[in-house]
Amino acid sequence: MITKVETDRIYKHNTVILVENSLIVLGVCRILDCYNLKIEMIEFENLMEKQYQNTIFITKVSKESMLHKVKLLLSTDGSTRIMTINNKIEINEIKKLVELGVKGILSNKLEEDELVQAIKQVALIINK
């Protein structure tokens, strides 16, 4: 279970999880719900249109548009913490995502507890 102190720290900034596979989006939402970690599914376009704060979002994006969408998110709000969950990723893609400022790059083959821990760690990063 997530503690009250962790919850207060998580929701100080937005965290966005970009996922290549819509089934993974649904699975992550169900898993995090079991851990009482609130997450909202949202279409990328809606995420860009509205001003949200203190929320964890998950959205499906294509592999081809992943880098572009990361750039868009960070140009809109540099404090947003971005994670990706990828089907298959090459080293050069990882380097580009890290250079852009992505805080977590995960494989869709993670175990449930590893997934939850990684999301909590990225969401809890304190901006300096």
Protein backbone atom coordinates (compact mmCIF):
# COMPACT_ATOMS: atom_id res chain seq x y z
CA MET A 1 0.00 0.00 0.00
CA ILE A 2 1.05 3.55 -0.63
CA THR A 3 1.32 5.79 2.43
CA LYS A 4 -0.28 9.21 2.95
CA VAL A 5 3.17 10.86 2.90
CA GLU A 6 3.96 9.21 -0.44
CA THR A 7 0.58 10.27 -1.85
CA ASP A 8 1.20 13.89 -0.88
CA ARG A 9 4.61 13.81 -2.56
CA ILE A 10 3.39 12.04 -5.71
CA TYR A 11 0.74 14.59 -6.53
CA LYS A 12 2.93 17.71 -6.43
CA HIS A 13 3.70 17.34 -10.16
CA ASN A 14 2.28 15.55 -13.18
CA THR A 15 3.60 12.18 -14.26
CA VAL A 16 2.79 10.93 -17.75
CA ILE A 17 3.27 7.33 -18.86
CA LEU A 18 3.43 6.85 -22.63
CA VAL A 19 2.68 3.28 -23.74
CA GLU A 20 2.89 1.63 -27.16
CA ASN A 21 0.18 -0.96 -26.54
CA SER A 22 -3.44 -0.26 -25.54
CA LEU A 23 -3.77 -3.57 -23.68
CA ILE A 24 -0.79 -2.60 -21.53
CA VAL A 25 -2.52 0.72 -20.75
CA LEU A 26 -5.55 -1.14 -19.39
CA GLY A 27 -3.42 -3.63 -17.50
CA VAL A 28 -1.30 -0.94 -15.84
CA CYS A 29 -4.44 0.92 -14.76
CA ARG A 30 -5.89 -2.21 -13.15
CA ILE A 31 -2.64 -3.09 -11.42
CA LEU A 32 -2.16 0.40 -10.01
CA ASP A 33 -5.76 0.49 -8.85
CA CYS A 34 -5.03 -2.61 -6.75
CA TYR A 35 -2.18 -0.68 -5.11
CA ASN A 36 -4.40 2.38 -4.47
CA LEU A 37 -2.25 4.43 -6.82
CA LYS A 38 -4.57 6.67 -8.80
CA ILE A 39 -3.94 6.92 -12.51
CA GLU A 40 -6.08 8.44 -15.23
CA MET A 41 -6.31 7.13 -18.80
CA ILE A 42 -6.40 9.99 -21.25
CA GLU A 43 -6.01 10.55 -24.98
CA PHE A 44 -2.77 12.39 -25.75
CA GLU A 45 -4.61 15.23 -27.49
CA ASN A 46 -6.75 15.82 -24.39
CA LEU A 47 -3.67 15.82 -22.22
CA MET A 48 -2.18 18.58 -24.37
CA GLU A 49 -5.37 20.68 -24.47
CA LYS A 50 -6.07 20.97 -20.76
CA GLN A 51 -4.08 22.16 -17.80
CA TYR A 52 -3.84 19.40 -15.22
CA GLN A 53 -1.79 19.37 -12.07
CA ASN A 54 -0.80 16.79 -9.51
CA THR A 55 -1.91 13.75 -11.49
CA ILE A 56 -0.51 10.55 -12.98
CA PHE A 57 -1.73 10.02 -16.54
CA ILE A 58 -1.34 7.12 -18.94
CA THR A 59 -1.87 7.33 -22.68
CA LYS A 60 -1.24 5.19 -25.75
CA VAL A 61 1.11 6.52 -28.39
CA SER A 62 2.66 4.89 -31.42
CA LYS A 63 6.33 3.92 -31.37
CA GLU A 64 6.90 6.26 -34.31
CA SER A 65 5.49 9.29 -32.46
CA MET A 66 7.00 8.61 -29.03
CA LEU A 67 9.97 11.01 -29.32
CA HIS A 68 7.85 13.76 -30.82
CA LYS A 69 5.24 13.47 -28.05
CA VAL A 70 7.90 13.52 -25.33
CA LYS A 71 9.24 16.77 -26.83
CA LEU A 72 5.73 18.25 -26.93
CA LEU A 73 5.03 17.37 -23.31
CA LEU A 74 8.31 18.78 -22.04
CA SER A 75 7.98 21.96 -24.08
CA THR A 76 4.55 22.52 -22.50
CA ASP A 77 5.63 21.76 -18.92
CA GLY A 78 9.26 20.97 -18.17
CA SER A 79 8.39 19.70 -14.68
CA THR A 80 6.27 16.83 -16.03
CA ARG A 81 7.83 13.46 -15.28
CA ILE A 82 7.64 11.16 -18.27
CA MET A 83 7.92 7.38 -18.38
CA THR A 84 7.59 5.07 -21.35
CA ILE A 85 6.54 1.43 -21.53
CA ASN A 86 7.86 -0.04 -24.74
CA ASN A 87 7.25 -3.26 -26.64
CA LYS A 88 10.80 -3.33 -28.01
CA ILE A 89 13.36 -0.56 -27.85
CA GLU A 90 16.80 -0.07 -29.33
CA ILE A 91 19.77 1.47 -27.50
CA ASN A 92 19.76 4.57 -29.74
CA GLU A 93 16.09 5.18 -28.87
CA ILE A 94 16.87 4.86 -25.15
CA LYS A 95 19.69 7.41 -25.50
CA LYS A 96 17.38 9.88 -27.26
CA LEU A 97 14.65 9.49 -24.63
CA VAL A 98 17.12 9.97 -21.78
CA GLU A 99 18.63 13.03 -23.48
CA LEU A 100 15.15 14.53 -23.76
CA GLY A 101 14.57 14.02 -20.05
CA VAL A 102 12.47 10.87 -19.80
CA LYS A 103 12.69 9.62 -16.19
CA GLY A 104 11.80 5.97 -16.77
CA ILE A 105 11.98 3.61 -19.74
CA LEU A 106 10.33 0.27 -19.06
CA SER A 107 9.80 -2.95 -20.96
CA ASN A 108 6.27 -4.32 -21.21
CA LYS A 109 7.69 -7.58 -19.82
CA LEU A 110 8.07 -6.24 -16.25
CA GLU A 111 6.63 -8.07 -13.30
CA GLU A 112 3.76 -6.36 -11.46
CA ASP A 113 5.79 -5.36 -8.40
CA GLU A 114 8.63 -3.99 -10.56
CA LEU A 115 6.16 -1.90 -12.54
CA VAL A 116 4.53 -0.42 -9.44
CA GLN A 117 7.89 0.33 -7.83
CA ALA A 118 9.22 2.04 -10.98
CA ILE A 119 6.13 4.24 -11.33
CA LYS A 120 6.26 5.20 -7.66
CA GLN A 121 9.96 6.06 -7.93
CA VAL A 122 9.47 8.34 -10.95
CA ALA A 123 6.37 9.97 -9.49
CA LEU A 124 8.20 10.65 -6.21
CA ILE A 125 11.23 12.36 -7.77
CA ILE A 126 11.56 15.76 -6.17
CA ASN A 127 12.44 18.59 -8.54
CA LYS A 128 15.41 20.66 -7.41
